[in-house]
């Protein structure tokens, strides 16, 4: 039994070594996810990391932890991809609902590939609008966050910081959206879903939850 299992494993490995396209897709997916994780450590311009860490620790356990988990810790560090792919997901949901409510969008959905491309374009436009709105409110919130505690996470508050913050967040979100599309077409699986999964798995909170589950199973 052991020898047959070893032969089967060797056969599978030999087949995998010959599948050059599959290997390239796997390596591309892994490389894209590494780029995603590296970007989560690039802070927004004009942010004081130490003050931000202190302020974030005072709000642990709230709704920010939930969004921080989906962003892979990017929200806690206020990185370029702090918003993650959430604006894109929200825009996708709005467009999908629109196909059920709007006859124009419903007709586009029935046009096949051309209609799908137009709906995807509307989703991208919606992503840009949502990212700008959310980015502006994040910039304003960062300026006022911690004012009652005598500290600020922003080095120089003002319109220049807000413009830089919105521009950086917009660029980060659009890059993630593009990266997800590249993974879908040149990698393995759905790119957006893989980015979300990589963000959740990489957070410390998910590690603690995994340890609790493992301990609970081992104690049975």
N, C-alpha and C. Protein backbone atom coordinates (compact mmCIF):
# COMPACT_ATOMS: atom_id res chain seq x y z
N UNK A 1 0.83 -1.21 0.00
CA UNK A 1 0.00 0.00 0.00
C UNK A 1 0.86 1.26 0.00
N UNK A 2 1.93 1.21 0.81
CA UNK A 2 2.79 2.38 0.90
C UNK A 2 3.49 2.65 -0.42
N UNK A 3 3.95 1.52 -1.08
CA UNK A 3 4.66 1.70 -2.35
C UNK A 3 3.74 2.26 -3.43
N UNK A 4 2.50 1.77 -3.49
CA UNK A 4 1.56 2.29 -4.49
C UNK A 4 1.23 3.75 -4.23
N UNK A 5 1.14 4.12 -2.95
CA UNK A 5 0.88 5.53 -2.62
C UNK A 5 2.05 6.40 -3.03
N UNK A 6 3.27 5.91 -2.81
CA UNK A 6 4.45 6.66 -3.21
C UNK A 6 4.53 6.80 -4.72
N UNK A 7 4.17 5.72 -5.43
CA UNK A 7 4.18 5.78 -6.89
C UNK A 7 3.16 6.80 -7.40
N UNK A 8 1.98 6.80 -6.75
CA UNK A 8 0.94 7.76 -7.15
C UNK A 8 1.40 9.19 -6.89
N UNK A 9 2.05 9.40 -5.73
CA UNK A 9 2.54 10.74 -5.41
C UNK A 9 3.62 11.17 -6.40
N UNK A 10 4.51 10.22 -6.75
CA UNK A 10 5.55 10.55 -7.73
C UNK A 10 4.97 10.86 -9.09
N UNK A 11 3.91 10.13 -9.47
CA UNK A 11 3.25 10.38 -10.75
C UNK A 11 2.61 11.75 -10.77
N UNK A 12 1.98 12.13 -9.65
CA UNK A 12 1.34 13.45 -9.57
C UNK A 12 2.38 14.56 -9.65
N UNK A 13 3.52 14.36 -8.97
CA UNK A 13 4.58 15.38 -9.00
C UNK A 13 5.16 15.52 -10.41
N UNK A 14 5.32 14.38 -11.11
CA UNK A 14 5.86 14.45 -12.47
C UNK A 14 4.89 15.18 -13.40
N UNK A 15 3.60 14.94 -13.20
CA UNK A 15 2.61 15.64 -14.02
C UNK A 15 2.61 17.12 -13.72
N UNK A 16 2.76 17.45 -12.43
CA UNK A 16 2.78 18.86 -12.06
C UNK A 16 4.01 19.57 -12.62
N UNK A 17 5.16 18.88 -12.63
CA UNK A 17 6.38 19.48 -13.16
C UNK A 17 6.27 19.75 -14.66
N UNK A 18 5.43 18.97 -15.35
CA UNK A 18 5.25 19.17 -16.79
C UNK A 18 4.21 20.25 -17.11
N UNK A 19 3.39 20.59 -16.12
CA UNK A 19 2.35 21.60 -16.34
C UNK A 19 2.94 22.99 -16.13
N UNK A 20 3.65 23.48 -17.12
CA UNK A 20 4.34 24.77 -17.01
C UNK A 20 3.35 25.94 -16.87
N UNK A 21 2.22 25.86 -17.56
CA UNK A 21 1.23 26.95 -17.46
C UNK A 21 0.64 27.04 -16.07
N UNK A 22 0.36 25.87 -15.46
CA UNK A 22 -0.17 25.87 -14.11
C UNK A 22 0.84 26.42 -13.12
N UNK A 23 2.11 26.07 -13.31
CA UNK A 23 3.15 26.58 -12.43
C UNK A 23 3.27 28.10 -12.53
N UNK A 24 3.22 28.62 -13.75
CA UNK A 24 3.32 30.07 -13.94
C UNK A 24 2.13 30.79 -13.32
N UNK A 25 0.95 30.18 -13.40
CA UNK A 25 -0.24 30.78 -12.79
C UNK A 25 -0.11 30.80 -11.27
N UNK A 26 0.39 29.71 -10.70
CA UNK A 26 0.56 29.64 -9.25
C UNK A 26 1.58 30.68 -8.78
N UNK A 27 2.71 30.77 -9.48
CA UNK A 27 3.74 31.73 -9.09
C UNK A 27 3.25 33.16 -9.26
N UNK A 28 2.49 33.41 -10.31
CA UNK A 28 1.94 34.77 -10.50
C UNK A 28 1.00 35.13 -9.36
N UNK A 29 0.14 34.18 -8.96
CA UNK A 29 -0.81 34.43 -7.87
C UNK A 29 -0.07 34.71 -6.57
N UNK A 30 0.94 33.90 -6.26
CA UNK A 30 1.72 34.10 -5.03
C UNK A 30 2.45 35.44 -5.05
N UNK A 31 3.02 35.78 -6.21
CA UNK A 31 3.72 37.06 -6.32
C UNK A 31 2.79 38.25 -6.14
N UNK A 32 1.60 38.15 -6.71
CA UNK A 32 0.62 39.24 -6.57
C UNK A 32 0.19 39.40 -5.12
N UNK A 33 0.00 38.29 -4.41
CA UNK A 33 -0.39 38.37 -3.01
C UNK A 33 0.74 38.93 -2.14
N UNK A 34 1.99 38.64 -2.51
CA UNK A 34 3.13 39.22 -1.79
C UNK A 34 3.15 40.74 -1.98
N UNK A 35 2.90 41.19 -3.20
CA UNK A 35 2.83 42.63 -3.47
C UNK A 35 1.71 43.27 -2.63
N UNK A 36 0.59 42.59 -2.54
CA UNK A 36 -0.53 43.08 -1.73
C UNK A 36 -0.13 43.25 -0.27
N UNK A 37 0.59 42.26 0.27
CA UNK A 37 1.00 42.34 1.67
C UNK A 37 2.05 43.43 1.88
N UNK A 38 2.93 43.63 0.91
CA UNK A 38 3.94 44.68 1.03
C UNK A 38 3.29 46.06 1.04
N UNK A 39 2.28 46.25 0.20
CA UNK A 39 1.59 47.54 0.15
C UNK A 39 0.87 47.87 1.45
N UNK A 40 0.47 46.84 2.19
CA UNK A 40 -0.24 47.09 3.45
C UNK A 40 0.65 47.71 4.50
N UNK A 41 1.96 47.76 4.26
CA UNK A 41 2.90 48.35 5.21
C UNK A 41 3.41 49.71 4.75
N UNK A 42 2.88 50.23 3.63
CA UNK A 42 3.27 51.55 3.14
C UNK A 42 2.27 52.58 3.66
N UNK A 43 2.66 53.47 4.59
CA UNK A 43 1.69 54.39 5.21
C UNK A 43 1.29 55.52 4.29
N UNK A 44 0.16 56.12 4.60
CA UNK A 44 -0.30 57.30 3.88
C UNK A 44 0.64 58.48 4.16
N UNK A 45 0.77 59.41 3.22
CA UNK A 45 1.62 60.58 3.46
C UNK A 45 1.03 61.48 4.54
N UNK A 46 1.91 61.98 5.41
CA UNK A 46 1.47 62.90 6.45
C UNK A 46 0.93 62.25 7.69
N UNK A 47 1.16 60.93 7.89
CA UNK A 47 0.64 60.20 9.04
C UNK A 47 1.77 59.99 10.05
N UNK A 48 1.45 60.18 11.33
CA UNK A 48 2.37 59.87 12.42
C UNK A 48 2.09 58.44 12.90
N UNK A 49 2.93 57.47 12.56
CA UNK A 49 2.63 56.06 12.88
C UNK A 49 2.48 55.79 14.37
N UNK A 50 3.32 56.40 15.20
CA UNK A 50 3.26 56.14 16.64
C UNK A 50 1.97 56.67 17.25
N UNK A 51 1.59 57.89 16.87
CA UNK A 51 0.34 58.46 17.37
C UNK A 51 -0.85 57.66 16.87
N UNK A 52 -0.77 57.19 15.64
CA UNK A 52 -1.87 56.39 15.08
C UNK A 52 -2.01 55.07 15.83
N UNK A 53 -0.89 54.44 16.15
CA UNK A 53 -0.94 53.18 16.89
C UNK A 53 -1.56 53.39 18.27
N UNK A 54 -1.19 54.48 18.94
CA UNK A 54 -1.75 54.78 20.26
C UNK A 54 -3.25 55.01 20.19
N UNK A 55 -3.70 55.77 19.19
CA UNK A 55 -5.12 56.05 19.04
C UNK A 55 -5.90 54.79 18.68
N UNK A 56 -5.33 53.94 17.84
CA UNK A 56 -6.03 52.73 17.42
C UNK A 56 -6.18 51.76 18.59
N UNK A 57 -5.19 51.72 19.47
CA UNK A 57 -5.26 50.82 20.62
C UNK A 57 -6.39 51.21 21.58
N UNK A 58 -6.75 52.50 21.58
CA UNK A 58 -7.84 52.95 22.47
C UNK A 58 -9.21 52.55 21.96
N UNK A 59 -9.30 52.16 20.69
CA UNK A 59 -10.60 51.80 20.11
C UNK A 59 -10.68 50.32 19.77
N UNK A 60 -9.79 49.52 20.29
CA UNK A 60 -9.80 48.08 19.98
C UNK A 60 -11.08 47.44 20.50
N UNK A 61 -11.55 46.45 19.77
CA UNK A 61 -12.76 45.75 20.16
C UNK A 61 -14.02 46.30 19.53
N UNK A 62 -13.88 47.39 18.75
CA UNK A 62 -15.05 47.99 18.11
C UNK A 62 -15.19 47.57 16.67
N UNK A 63 -15.96 48.36 15.93
CA UNK A 63 -16.23 48.03 14.53
C UNK A 63 -14.98 48.21 13.67
N UNK A 64 -14.02 49.05 14.15
CA UNK A 64 -12.80 49.24 13.39
C UNK A 64 -12.00 47.94 13.27
N UNK A 65 -12.07 47.11 14.31
CA UNK A 65 -11.37 45.82 14.25
C UNK A 65 -11.92 44.95 13.13
N UNK A 66 -13.23 45.02 12.93
CA UNK A 66 -13.87 44.22 11.88
C UNK A 66 -13.37 44.63 10.51
N UNK A 67 -13.37 45.94 10.23
CA UNK A 67 -12.89 46.41 8.93
C UNK A 67 -11.39 46.23 8.80
N UNK A 68 -10.67 46.35 9.93
CA UNK A 68 -9.23 46.15 9.89
C UNK A 68 -8.87 44.72 9.52
N UNK A 69 -9.69 43.76 9.95
CA UNK A 69 -9.43 42.36 9.63
C UNK A 69 -9.59 42.12 8.13
N UNK A 70 -10.62 42.71 7.52
CA UNK A 70 -10.84 42.52 6.09
C UNK A 70 -9.79 43.23 5.25
N UNK A 71 -9.16 44.26 5.81
CA UNK A 71 -8.11 44.97 5.05
C UNK A 71 -6.73 44.39 5.30
N UNK A 72 -6.65 43.33 6.09
CA UNK A 72 -5.36 42.72 6.37
C UNK A 72 -4.47 43.55 7.27
N UNK A 73 -5.06 44.34 8.16
CA UNK A 73 -4.28 45.21 9.04
C UNK A 73 -3.90 46.53 8.42
N UNK A 74 -4.32 46.77 7.17
CA UNK A 74 -3.96 48.01 6.49
C UNK A 74 -4.63 49.22 7.11
N UNK A 75 -5.85 49.03 7.63
CA UNK A 75 -6.56 50.15 8.25
C UNK A 75 -5.87 50.58 9.54
N UNK A 76 -5.38 49.62 10.29
CA UNK A 76 -4.68 49.93 11.54
C UNK A 76 -3.41 50.73 11.27
N UNK A 77 -2.74 50.41 10.17
CA UNK A 77 -1.51 51.13 9.81
C UNK A 77 -1.78 52.32 8.91
N UNK A 78 -3.04 52.52 8.47
CA UNK A 78 -3.42 53.57 7.55
C UNK A 78 -2.48 53.58 6.33
N UNK A 79 -2.42 52.43 5.68
CA UNK A 79 -1.55 52.29 4.52
C UNK A 79 -2.27 52.78 3.27
N UNK A 80 -1.58 52.67 2.14
CA UNK A 80 -2.15 53.10 0.87
C UNK A 80 -3.39 52.31 0.50
N UNK A 81 -3.48 51.07 1.01
CA UNK A 81 -4.62 50.21 0.68
C UNK A 81 -5.51 50.02 1.92
N UNK A 82 -5.63 51.09 2.71
CA UNK A 82 -6.44 51.00 3.94
C UNK A 82 -7.90 50.66 3.64
N UNK A 83 -8.42 51.12 2.52
CA UNK A 83 -9.80 50.82 2.15
C UNK A 83 -9.95 49.43 1.54
N UNK A 84 -8.83 48.83 1.15
CA UNK A 84 -8.89 47.50 0.56
C UNK A 84 -9.71 47.48 -0.72
N UNK A 85 -10.45 46.39 -0.91
CA UNK A 85 -11.31 46.26 -2.09
C UNK A 85 -12.78 46.46 -1.72
N UNK A 86 -13.03 46.99 -0.53
CA UNK A 86 -14.41 47.19 -0.09
C UNK A 86 -15.19 48.15 -0.98
N UNK A 87 -14.60 49.28 -1.45
CA UNK A 87 -15.36 50.13 -2.39
C UNK A 87 -15.75 49.40 -3.66
N UNK A 88 -14.86 48.54 -4.16
CA UNK A 88 -15.16 47.77 -5.37
C UNK A 88 -16.29 46.78 -5.12
N UNK A 89 -16.27 46.13 -3.97
CA UNK A 89 -17.33 45.18 -3.63
C UNK A 89 -18.66 45.90 -3.49
N UNK A 90 -18.64 47.06 -2.83
CA UNK A 90 -19.87 47.84 -2.67
C UNK A 90 -20.42 48.28 -4.02
N UNK A 91 -19.53 48.75 -4.90
CA UNK A 91 -19.97 49.17 -6.23
C UNK A 91 -20.52 47.98 -7.02
N UNK A 92 -19.91 46.82 -6.86
CA UNK A 92 -20.40 45.63 -7.56
C UNK A 92 -21.81 45.26 -7.10
N UNK A 93 -22.04 45.36 -5.80
CA UNK A 93 -23.36 45.05 -5.26
C UNK A 93 -24.40 46.04 -5.78
N UNK A 94 -24.02 47.32 -5.81
CA UNK A 94 -24.95 48.35 -6.30
C UNK A 94 -25.31 48.10 -7.77
N UNK A 95 -24.31 47.76 -8.58
CA UNK A 95 -24.56 47.50 -10.00
C UNK A 95 -25.43 46.26 -10.17
N UNK A 96 -25.17 45.22 -9.38
CA UNK A 96 -25.98 44.01 -9.46
C UNK A 96 -27.43 44.27 -9.07
N UNK A 97 -27.62 45.08 -8.03
CA UNK A 97 -28.98 45.45 -7.65
C UNK A 97 -29.62 46.31 -8.74
N UNK A 98 -28.80 47.15 -9.39
CA UNK A 98 -29.33 48.00 -10.45
C UNK A 98 -29.85 47.20 -11.64
N UNK A 99 -29.24 46.04 -11.91
CA UNK A 99 -29.71 45.21 -13.02
C UNK A 99 -31.10 44.63 -12.74
N UNK A 100 -31.48 44.58 -11.46
CA UNK A 100 -32.81 44.09 -11.11
C UNK A 100 -33.84 45.21 -11.06
N UNK A 101 -33.36 46.46 -10.89
CA UNK A 101 -34.28 47.58 -10.74
C UNK A 101 -34.36 48.45 -11.98
N UNK A 102 -33.28 48.53 -12.73
CA UNK A 102 -33.25 49.41 -13.90
C UNK A 102 -33.40 48.60 -15.19
N UNK A 103 -34.37 48.92 -16.03
CA UNK A 103 -34.52 48.21 -17.31
C UNK A 103 -33.30 48.36 -18.22
N UNK A 104 -32.64 49.54 -18.15
CA UNK A 104 -31.45 49.77 -18.98
C UNK A 104 -30.32 48.83 -18.61
N UNK A 105 -30.06 48.74 -17.30
CA UNK A 105 -28.99 47.84 -16.84
C UNK A 105 -29.37 46.37 -17.06
N UNK A 106 -30.65 46.06 -16.90
CA UNK A 106 -31.10 44.69 -17.14
C UNK A 106 -30.89 44.30 -18.60
N UNK A 107 -31.12 45.26 -19.52
CA UNK A 107 -30.90 44.98 -20.94
C UNK A 107 -29.42 44.77 -21.23
N UNK A 108 -28.56 45.53 -20.55
CA UNK A 108 -27.11 45.34 -20.73
C UNK A 108 -26.68 43.96 -20.26
N UNK A 109 -27.27 43.50 -19.18
CA UNK A 109 -26.91 42.18 -18.65
C UNK A 109 -27.24 41.07 -19.63
N UNK A 110 -28.28 41.28 -20.45
CA UNK A 110 -28.70 40.26 -21.40
C UNK A 110 -27.93 40.31 -22.72
N UNK A 111 -27.07 41.31 -22.88
CA UNK A 111 -26.34 41.46 -24.13
C UNK A 111 -25.12 40.54 -24.23
N UNK A 112 -24.83 39.83 -23.19
CA UNK A 112 -23.69 38.91 -23.22
C UNK A 112 -22.39 39.57 -22.83
N UNK A 113 -21.32 39.26 -23.58
CA UNK A 113 -19.98 39.74 -23.23
C UNK A 113 -19.88 41.27 -23.30
N UNK A 114 -20.46 41.88 -24.32
CA UNK A 114 -20.40 43.34 -24.44
C UNK A 114 -21.12 44.03 -23.29
N UNK A 115 -22.27 43.49 -22.91
CA UNK A 115 -23.01 44.06 -21.78
C UNK A 115 -22.25 43.88 -20.48
N UNK A 116 -21.59 42.74 -20.33
CA UNK A 116 -20.81 42.49 -19.10
C UNK A 116 -19.66 43.48 -18.98
N UNK A 117 -19.02 43.81 -20.11
CA UNK A 117 -17.92 44.77 -20.09
C UNK A 117 -18.41 46.16 -19.68
N UNK A 118 -19.59 46.54 -20.18
CA UNK A 118 -20.15 47.84 -19.80
C UNK A 118 -20.50 47.89 -18.32
N UNK A 119 -21.06 46.80 -17.79
CA UNK A 119 -21.39 46.75 -16.37
C UNK A 119 -20.12 46.80 -15.52
N UNK A 120 -19.07 46.13 -15.98
CA UNK A 120 -17.80 46.19 -15.27
C UNK A 120 -17.23 47.61 -15.27
N UNK A 121 -17.45 48.33 -16.39
CA UNK A 121 -16.99 49.71 -16.46
C UNK A 121 -17.76 50.59 -15.49
N UNK A 122 -19.07 50.38 -15.40
CA UNK A 122 -19.86 51.12 -14.42
C UNK A 122 -19.40 50.81 -13.00
N UNK A 123 -19.03 49.56 -12.75
CA UNK A 123 -18.53 49.18 -11.43
C UNK A 123 -17.24 49.92 -11.10
N UNK A 124 -16.38 50.07 -12.09
CA UNK A 124 -15.12 50.80 -11.87
C UNK A 124 -15.40 52.27 -11.58
N UNK A 125 -16.33 52.87 -12.33
CA UNK A 125 -16.68 54.27 -12.05
C UNK A 125 -17.24 54.42 -10.64
N UNK A 126 -18.10 53.48 -10.25
CA UNK A 126 -18.65 53.52 -8.90
C UNK A 126 -17.59 53.35 -7.84
N UNK A 127 -16.58 52.52 -8.13
CA UNK A 127 -15.47 52.32 -7.19
C UNK A 127 -14.70 53.62 -6.98
N UNK A 128 -14.47 54.35 -8.07
CA UNK A 128 -13.75 55.62 -7.97
C UNK A 128 -14.53 56.62 -7.11
N UNK A 129 -15.83 56.73 -7.36
CA UNK A 129 -16.66 57.68 -6.60
C UNK A 129 -16.69 57.31 -5.12
N UNK A 130 -16.92 56.04 -4.82
CA UNK A 130 -16.98 55.60 -3.42
C UNK A 130 -15.65 55.78 -2.72
N UNK A 131 -14.56 55.51 -3.42
CA UNK A 131 -13.24 55.65 -2.80
C UNK A 131 -12.93 57.11 -2.48
N UNK A 132 -13.29 58.01 -3.38
CA UNK A 132 -13.07 59.44 -3.12
C UNK A 132 -13.87 59.90 -1.91
N UNK A 133 -15.13 59.49 -1.84
CA UNK A 133 -15.98 59.90 -0.71
C UNK A 133 -15.44 59.33 0.59
N UNK A 134 -15.17 58.03 0.62
CA UNK A 134 -14.67 57.40 1.83
C UNK A 134 -13.29 57.93 2.21
N UNK A 135 -12.44 58.16 1.20
CA UNK A 135 -11.11 58.70 1.48
C UNK A 135 -11.16 60.08 2.10
N UNK A 136 -12.09 60.91 1.64
CA UNK A 136 -12.21 62.26 2.22
C UNK A 136 -12.65 62.19 3.67
N UNK A 137 -13.64 61.34 3.95
CA UNK A 137 -14.10 61.23 5.34
C UNK A 137 -13.03 60.62 6.23
N UNK A 138 -12.21 59.72 5.70
CA UNK A 138 -11.11 59.17 6.48
C UNK A 138 -10.09 60.26 6.80
N UNK A 139 -9.79 61.12 5.82
CA UNK A 139 -8.85 62.21 6.04
C UNK A 139 -9.36 63.18 7.10
N UNK A 140 -10.64 63.54 7.02
CA UNK A 140 -11.23 64.44 8.01
C UNK A 140 -11.25 63.77 9.38
N UNK A 141 -11.59 62.49 9.40
CA UNK A 141 -11.62 61.77 10.67
C UNK A 141 -10.25 61.66 11.31
N UNK A 142 -9.22 61.45 10.50
CA UNK A 142 -7.86 61.38 11.04
C UNK A 142 -7.43 62.70 11.64
N UNK A 143 -7.86 63.81 11.03
CA UNK A 143 -7.50 65.13 11.56
C UNK A 143 -8.14 65.39 12.93
N UNK A 144 -9.38 64.94 13.10
CA UNK A 144 -10.08 65.19 14.36
C UNK A 144 -9.91 64.07 15.38
N UNK A 145 -9.45 62.91 14.91
CA UNK A 145 -9.29 61.75 15.80
C UNK A 145 -8.21 62.03 16.83
N UNK A 146 -8.54 61.87 18.07
CA UNK A 146 -7.59 62.06 19.16
C UNK A 146 -7.46 63.49 19.63
N UNK A 147 -8.30 64.41 19.09
CA UNK A 147 -8.22 65.81 19.51
C UNK A 147 -8.54 65.96 20.99
N UNK A 148 -9.49 65.14 21.48
CA UNK A 148 -9.85 65.22 22.90
C UNK A 148 -8.76 64.67 23.80
N UNK A 149 -7.84 63.86 23.23
CA UNK A 149 -6.77 63.29 24.02
C UNK A 149 -5.46 64.06 23.87
N UNK A 150 -5.54 65.16 23.17
CA UNK A 150 -4.36 66.01 23.03
C UNK A 150 -3.32 65.49 22.06
N UNK A 151 -3.73 64.64 21.11
CA UNK A 151 -2.78 64.14 20.11
C UNK A 151 -3.48 64.01 18.78
N UNK A 152 -2.70 63.96 17.73
CA UNK A 152 -3.26 63.83 16.38
C UNK A 152 -2.38 62.88 15.57
N UNK A 153 -3.04 62.07 14.75
CA UNK A 153 -2.31 61.13 13.90
C UNK A 153 -1.79 61.80 12.64
N UNK A 154 -2.20 63.06 12.40
CA UNK A 154 -1.80 63.79 11.20
C UNK A 154 -0.73 64.81 11.57
N UNK A 155 0.35 64.83 10.81
CA UNK A 155 1.46 65.74 11.09
C UNK A 155 1.05 67.18 10.81
N UNK A 156 0.51 67.44 9.62
CA UNK A 156 0.09 68.79 9.24
C UNK A 156 -1.32 68.74 8.65
N UNK A 157 -2.36 68.89 9.50
CA UNK A 157 -3.74 68.85 8.99
C UNK A 157 -4.00 70.01 8.03
N UNK A 158 -4.95 69.79 7.14
CA UNK A 158 -5.30 70.83 6.19
C UNK A 158 -5.76 70.25 4.87
N UNK A 159 -6.11 71.12 3.95
CA UNK A 159 -6.63 70.68 2.66
C UNK A 159 -5.58 69.91 1.86
N UNK A 160 -4.31 70.28 2.01
CA UNK A 160 -3.26 69.58 1.28
C UNK A 160 -3.18 68.12 1.74
N UNK A 161 -3.30 67.90 3.06
CA UNK A 161 -3.28 66.53 3.56
C UNK A 161 -4.50 65.75 3.06
N UNK A 162 -5.66 66.38 3.05
CA UNK A 162 -6.87 65.70 2.58
C UNK A 162 -6.75 65.30 1.12
N UNK A 163 -6.20 66.21 0.32
CA UNK A 163 -6.02 65.90 -1.11
C UNK A 163 -5.03 64.75 -1.29
N UNK A 164 -3.93 64.78 -0.54
CA UNK A 164 -2.93 63.72 -0.65
C UNK A 164 -3.49 62.40 -0.16
N UNK A 165 -4.28 62.43 0.90
CA UNK A 165 -4.88 61.22 1.47
C UNK A 165 -5.86 60.59 0.48
N UNK A 166 -6.74 61.41 -0.09
CA UNK A 166 -7.73 60.90 -1.04
C UNK A 166 -7.04 60.32 -2.27
N UNK A 167 -6.02 61.04 -2.77
CA UNK A 167 -5.31 60.58 -3.97
C UNK A 167 -4.60 59.25 -3.71
N UNK A 168 -3.95 59.14 -2.53
CA UNK A 168 -3.22 57.92 -2.21
C UNK A 168 -4.18 56.74 -2.04
N UNK A 169 -5.29 56.96 -1.34
CA UNK A 169 -6.26 55.89 -1.14
C UNK A 169 -6.91 55.47 -2.45
N UNK A 170 -7.18 56.45 -3.31
CA UNK A 170 -7.76 56.13 -4.61
C UNK A 170 -6.79 55.29 -5.45
N UNK A 171 -5.53 55.68 -5.44
CA UNK A 171 -4.53 54.92 -6.18
C UNK A 171 -4.37 53.51 -5.63
N UNK A 172 -4.38 53.38 -4.29
CA UNK A 172 -4.23 52.06 -3.68
C UNK A 172 -5.40 51.14 -4.00
N UNK A 173 -6.61 51.67 -3.90
CA UNK A 173 -7.79 50.85 -4.17
C UNK A 173 -7.87 50.45 -5.64
N UNK A 174 -7.58 51.39 -6.54
CA UNK A 174 -7.62 51.07 -7.96
C UNK A 174 -6.54 50.06 -8.33
N UNK A 175 -5.38 50.16 -7.68
CA UNK A 175 -4.32 49.18 -7.95
C UNK A 175 -4.75 47.80 -7.48
N UNK A 176 -5.39 47.72 -6.31
CA UNK A 176 -5.87 46.42 -5.82
C UNK A 176 -6.93 45.85 -6.75
N UNK A 177 -7.80 46.70 -7.25
CA UNK A 177 -8.82 46.24 -8.18
C UNK A 177 -8.17 45.68 -9.45
N UNK A 178 -7.17 46.40 -9.96
CA UNK A 178 -6.44 45.92 -11.14
C UNK A 178 -5.69 44.63 -10.83
N UNK A 179 -5.08 44.57 -9.65
CA UNK A 179 -4.34 43.37 -9.26
C UNK A 179 -5.26 42.17 -9.16
N UNK A 180 -6.46 42.37 -8.62
CA UNK A 180 -7.43 41.28 -8.54
C UNK A 180 -7.85 40.78 -9.91
N UNK A 181 -8.02 41.72 -10.85
CA UNK A 181 -8.39 41.31 -12.22
C UNK A 181 -7.25 40.55 -12.88
N UNK A 182 -6.01 40.94 -12.60
CA UNK A 182 -4.86 40.24 -13.17
C UNK A 182 -4.75 38.82 -12.62
N UNK A 183 -5.02 38.66 -11.32
CA UNK A 183 -4.98 37.32 -10.73
C UNK A 183 -6.06 36.44 -11.36
N UNK A 184 -7.24 37.01 -11.58
CA UNK A 184 -8.33 36.24 -12.18
C UNK A 184 -7.99 35.77 -13.58
N UNK A 185 -7.35 36.64 -14.37
CA UNK A 185 -7.06 36.31 -15.77
C UNK A 185 -5.75 35.55 -15.95
N UNK A 186 -4.75 35.83 -15.10
CA UNK A 186 -3.43 35.22 -15.30
C UNK A 186 -3.01 34.30 -14.17
N UNK A 187 -3.81 34.26 -13.09
CA UNK A 187 -3.47 33.41 -11.96
C UNK A 187 -4.47 32.30 -11.76
N UNK A 188 -4.75 32.02 -10.48
CA UNK A 188 -5.66 30.93 -10.13
C UNK A 188 -6.78 31.49 -9.26
N UNK A 189 -8.03 31.19 -9.62
CA UNK A 189 -9.18 31.58 -8.81
C UNK A 189 -9.59 33.02 -9.04
N UNK A 190 -10.53 33.47 -8.20
CA UNK A 190 -11.02 34.84 -8.27
C UNK A 190 -10.07 35.75 -7.50
N UNK A 191 -9.52 36.75 -8.20
CA UNK A 191 -8.50 37.60 -7.61
C UNK A 191 -8.98 38.39 -6.41
N UNK A 192 -10.16 38.99 -6.50
CA UNK A 192 -10.69 39.80 -5.40
C UNK A 192 -10.90 38.93 -4.16
N UNK A 193 -11.45 37.74 -4.35
CA UNK A 193 -11.68 36.83 -3.22
C UNK A 193 -10.36 36.41 -2.58
N UNK A 194 -9.35 36.17 -3.39
CA UNK A 194 -8.05 35.78 -2.85
C UNK A 194 -7.40 36.91 -2.06
N UNK A 195 -7.56 38.14 -2.54
CA UNK A 195 -7.02 39.29 -1.81
C UNK A 195 -7.70 39.44 -0.46
N UNK A 196 -9.02 39.29 -0.43
CA UNK A 196 -9.75 39.37 0.84
C UNK A 196 -9.31 38.26 1.78
N UNK A 197 -9.18 37.04 1.25
CA UNK A 197 -8.77 35.91 2.09
C UNK A 197 -7.37 36.12 2.64
N UNK A 198 -6.45 36.61 1.79
CA UNK A 198 -5.08 36.86 2.24
C UNK A 198 -5.04 37.91 3.34
N UNK A 199 -5.91 38.93 3.22
CA UNK A 199 -5.96 39.95 4.26
C UNK A 199 -6.47 39.42 5.58
N UNK A 200 -7.51 38.58 5.52
CA UNK A 200 -8.08 38.03 6.75
C UNK A 200 -7.10 37.07 7.43
N UNK A 201 -6.46 36.21 6.63
CA UNK A 201 -5.55 35.21 7.18
C UNK A 201 -4.33 35.87 7.82
N UNK A 202 -3.90 37.01 7.29
CA UNK A 202 -2.67 37.63 7.75
C UNK A 202 -2.83 38.44 9.03
N UNK A 203 -4.03 38.71 9.47
CA UNK A 203 -4.24 39.53 10.66
C UNK A 203 -4.01 38.72 11.93
N UNK A 204 -3.56 39.39 12.98
CA UNK A 204 -3.30 38.74 14.26
C UNK A 204 -4.59 38.23 14.88
N UNK A 205 -5.68 38.96 14.64
CA UNK A 205 -6.95 38.55 15.22
C UNK A 205 -7.38 37.20 14.67
N UNK A 206 -7.20 36.99 13.36
CA UNK A 206 -7.56 35.71 12.78
C UNK A 206 -6.67 34.60 13.29
N UNK A 207 -5.39 34.91 13.58
CA UNK A 207 -4.49 33.91 14.14
C UNK A 207 -4.98 33.47 15.51
N UNK A 208 -5.44 34.43 16.33
CA UNK A 208 -5.94 34.08 17.65
C UNK A 208 -7.19 33.22 17.55
N UNK A 209 -8.07 33.58 16.60
CA UNK A 209 -9.30 32.80 16.42
C UNK A 209 -8.97 31.37 15.98
N UNK A 210 -7.95 31.24 15.10
CA UNK A 210 -7.57 29.92 14.63
C UNK A 210 -7.01 29.08 15.77
N UNK A 211 -6.22 29.70 16.64
CA UNK A 211 -5.67 28.97 17.78
C UNK A 211 -6.78 28.49 18.71
N UNK A 212 -7.79 29.34 18.92
CA UNK A 212 -8.91 28.95 19.79
C UNK A 212 -9.65 27.76 19.20
N UNK A 213 -9.87 27.77 17.86
CA UNK A 213 -10.56 26.66 17.22
C UNK A 213 -9.75 25.38 17.33
N UNK A 214 -8.45 25.47 17.10
CA UNK A 214 -7.58 24.29 17.18
C UNK A 214 -7.57 23.71 18.59
N UNK A 215 -7.48 24.58 19.59
CA UNK A 215 -7.47 24.11 20.98
C UNK A 215 -8.80 23.44 21.34
N UNK A 216 -9.90 24.02 20.84
CA UNK A 216 -11.21 23.45 21.13
C UNK A 216 -11.35 22.07 20.51
N UNK A 217 -10.82 21.88 19.30
CA UNK A 217 -10.90 20.58 18.64
C UNK A 217 -10.00 19.56 19.33
N UNK A 218 -8.84 20.01 19.78
CA UNK A 218 -7.90 19.09 20.42
C UNK A 218 -8.38 18.65 21.80
N UNK A 219 -9.18 19.50 22.46
CA UNK A 219 -9.66 19.16 23.79
C UNK A 219 -10.82 18.17 23.76
N UNK A 220 -11.40 17.91 22.57
CA UNK A 220 -12.51 16.99 22.46
C UNK A 220 -12.03 15.53 22.52
